[in-house]
Each structure stands twice: as C-alpha cells, then as structure tokens.
C-alpha cells in the first residue's frame, strides 16, 4: 500500500515538474501553448517508458510478438 502511494506522489511530482518546465520553455520561446504541448509529449513518452520498464519490456525487440522498442 505504501509503495503505491509513493509511486503516485512520484508520478504526480514528475507531472507537475514537466508542466512547469513546459511553461518556462514556452515563455522562453514566447509561446506558452507550444511549451505545454512539448511538456505533454515528453510526459507521455516518460510514462510509456516507465511503465515499460516496470513491466520488464524495456529494450525488448521480439518481432514474433510484435514488440519493438
């Protein structure tokens, strides 16, 4: 139970950091929406890679099962 709470807070903290970083990058580029879009893309890729690593599929390249990372 405690591990899932820790993971949830880690995920939430990472998401908040990515959104704030996206806003800062957007301000630097003078387009906040572009920064938020970039943050959303990076967040999605980060989520997929973390879940893949948790499932033991990191680096798997098995064409017979349709898995290619």
Protein backbone atom coordinates (compact mmCIF):
# COMPACT_ATOMS: atom_id res chain seq x y z
CA UNK A 1 0.00 0.00 0.00
CA UNK A 2 2.78 2.43 0.92
CA UNK A 3 4.67 1.69 -2.29
CA UNK A 4 1.69 2.61 -4.45
CA UNK A 5 1.26 5.92 -2.56
CA UNK A 6 4.94 6.69 -3.06
CA UNK A 7 4.69 5.86 -6.76
CA UNK A 8 1.59 8.02 -7.10
CA UNK A 9 3.32 11.01 -5.47
CA UNK A 10 6.41 10.46 -7.61
CA UNK A 11 4.28 10.39 -10.77
CA UNK A 12 2.32 13.47 -9.67
CA UNK A 13 5.51 15.35 -8.78
CA UNK A 14 7.08 14.44 -12.12
CA UNK A 15 3.99 15.60 -13.97
CA UNK A 16 3.95 18.94 -12.14
CA UNK A 17 7.67 19.45 -12.84
CA UNK A 18 7.16 18.70 -16.55
CA UNK A 19 4.22 21.13 -16.81
CA UNK A 20 6.16 23.91 -15.06
CA UNK A 21 9.18 23.19 -17.27
CA UNK A 22 6.91 23.34 -20.33
CA UNK A 23 5.57 26.73 -19.24
CA UNK A 24 9.10 28.07 -18.70
CA UNK A 25 10.24 26.77 -22.10
CA UNK A 26 7.09 28.24 -23.62
CA UNK A 27 7.87 31.61 -22.07
CA UNK A 28 11.41 31.44 -23.45
CA UNK A 29 10.01 30.60 -26.91
CA UNK A 30 7.28 33.24 -26.42
CA UNK A 31 4.55 30.64 -26.92
CA UNK A 32 3.19 29.03 -23.74
CA UNK A 33 0.91 26.65 -25.66
CA UNK A 34 3.88 25.24 -27.56
CA UNK A 35 5.69 24.71 -24.25
CA UNK A 36 2.68 22.90 -22.80
CA UNK A 37 2.41 20.74 -25.92
CA UNK A 38 6.08 19.80 -25.67
CA UNK A 39 5.64 19.03 -21.95
CA UNK A 40 2.64 16.79 -22.73
CA UNK A 41 4.59 14.88 -25.38
CA UNK A 42 7.59 14.39 -23.08
CA UNK A 43 5.26 13.35 -20.24
CA UNK A 44 3.58 10.75 -22.44
CA UNK A 45 6.91 9.31 -23.60
CA UNK A 46 8.15 9.29 -19.99
CA UNK A 47 5.01 7.49 -18.81
CA UNK A 48 5.31 4.84 -21.55
CA UNK A 49 8.99 4.23 -20.77
CA UNK A 50 8.39 3.96 -17.01
CA UNK A 51 5.50 1.54 -17.45
CA UNK A 52 7.54 -0.48 -19.94
CA UNK A 53 10.43 -0.68 -17.50
CA UNK A 54 8.07 -1.76 -14.69
CA UNK A 55 6.62 -4.50 -16.89
CA UNK A 56 10.04 -5.85 -17.84
CA UNK A 57 9.68 -4.90 -21.50
CA UNK A 58 12.50 -2.37 -21.64
CA UNK A 59 14.77 -2.99 -24.60
CA UNK A 60 12.72 -5.93 -25.89
CA UNK A 61 12.94 -6.47 -29.62
CA UNK A 62 10.91 -9.55 -30.38
CA UNK A 63 9.28 -9.33 -33.80
CA UNK A 64 7.30 -12.55 -33.32
CA UNK A 65 5.31 -10.90 -30.53
CA UNK A 66 5.02 -7.51 -32.19
CA UNK A 67 7.08 -5.77 -29.50
CA UNK A 68 9.70 -3.32 -30.74
CA UNK A 69 11.05 -0.57 -28.55
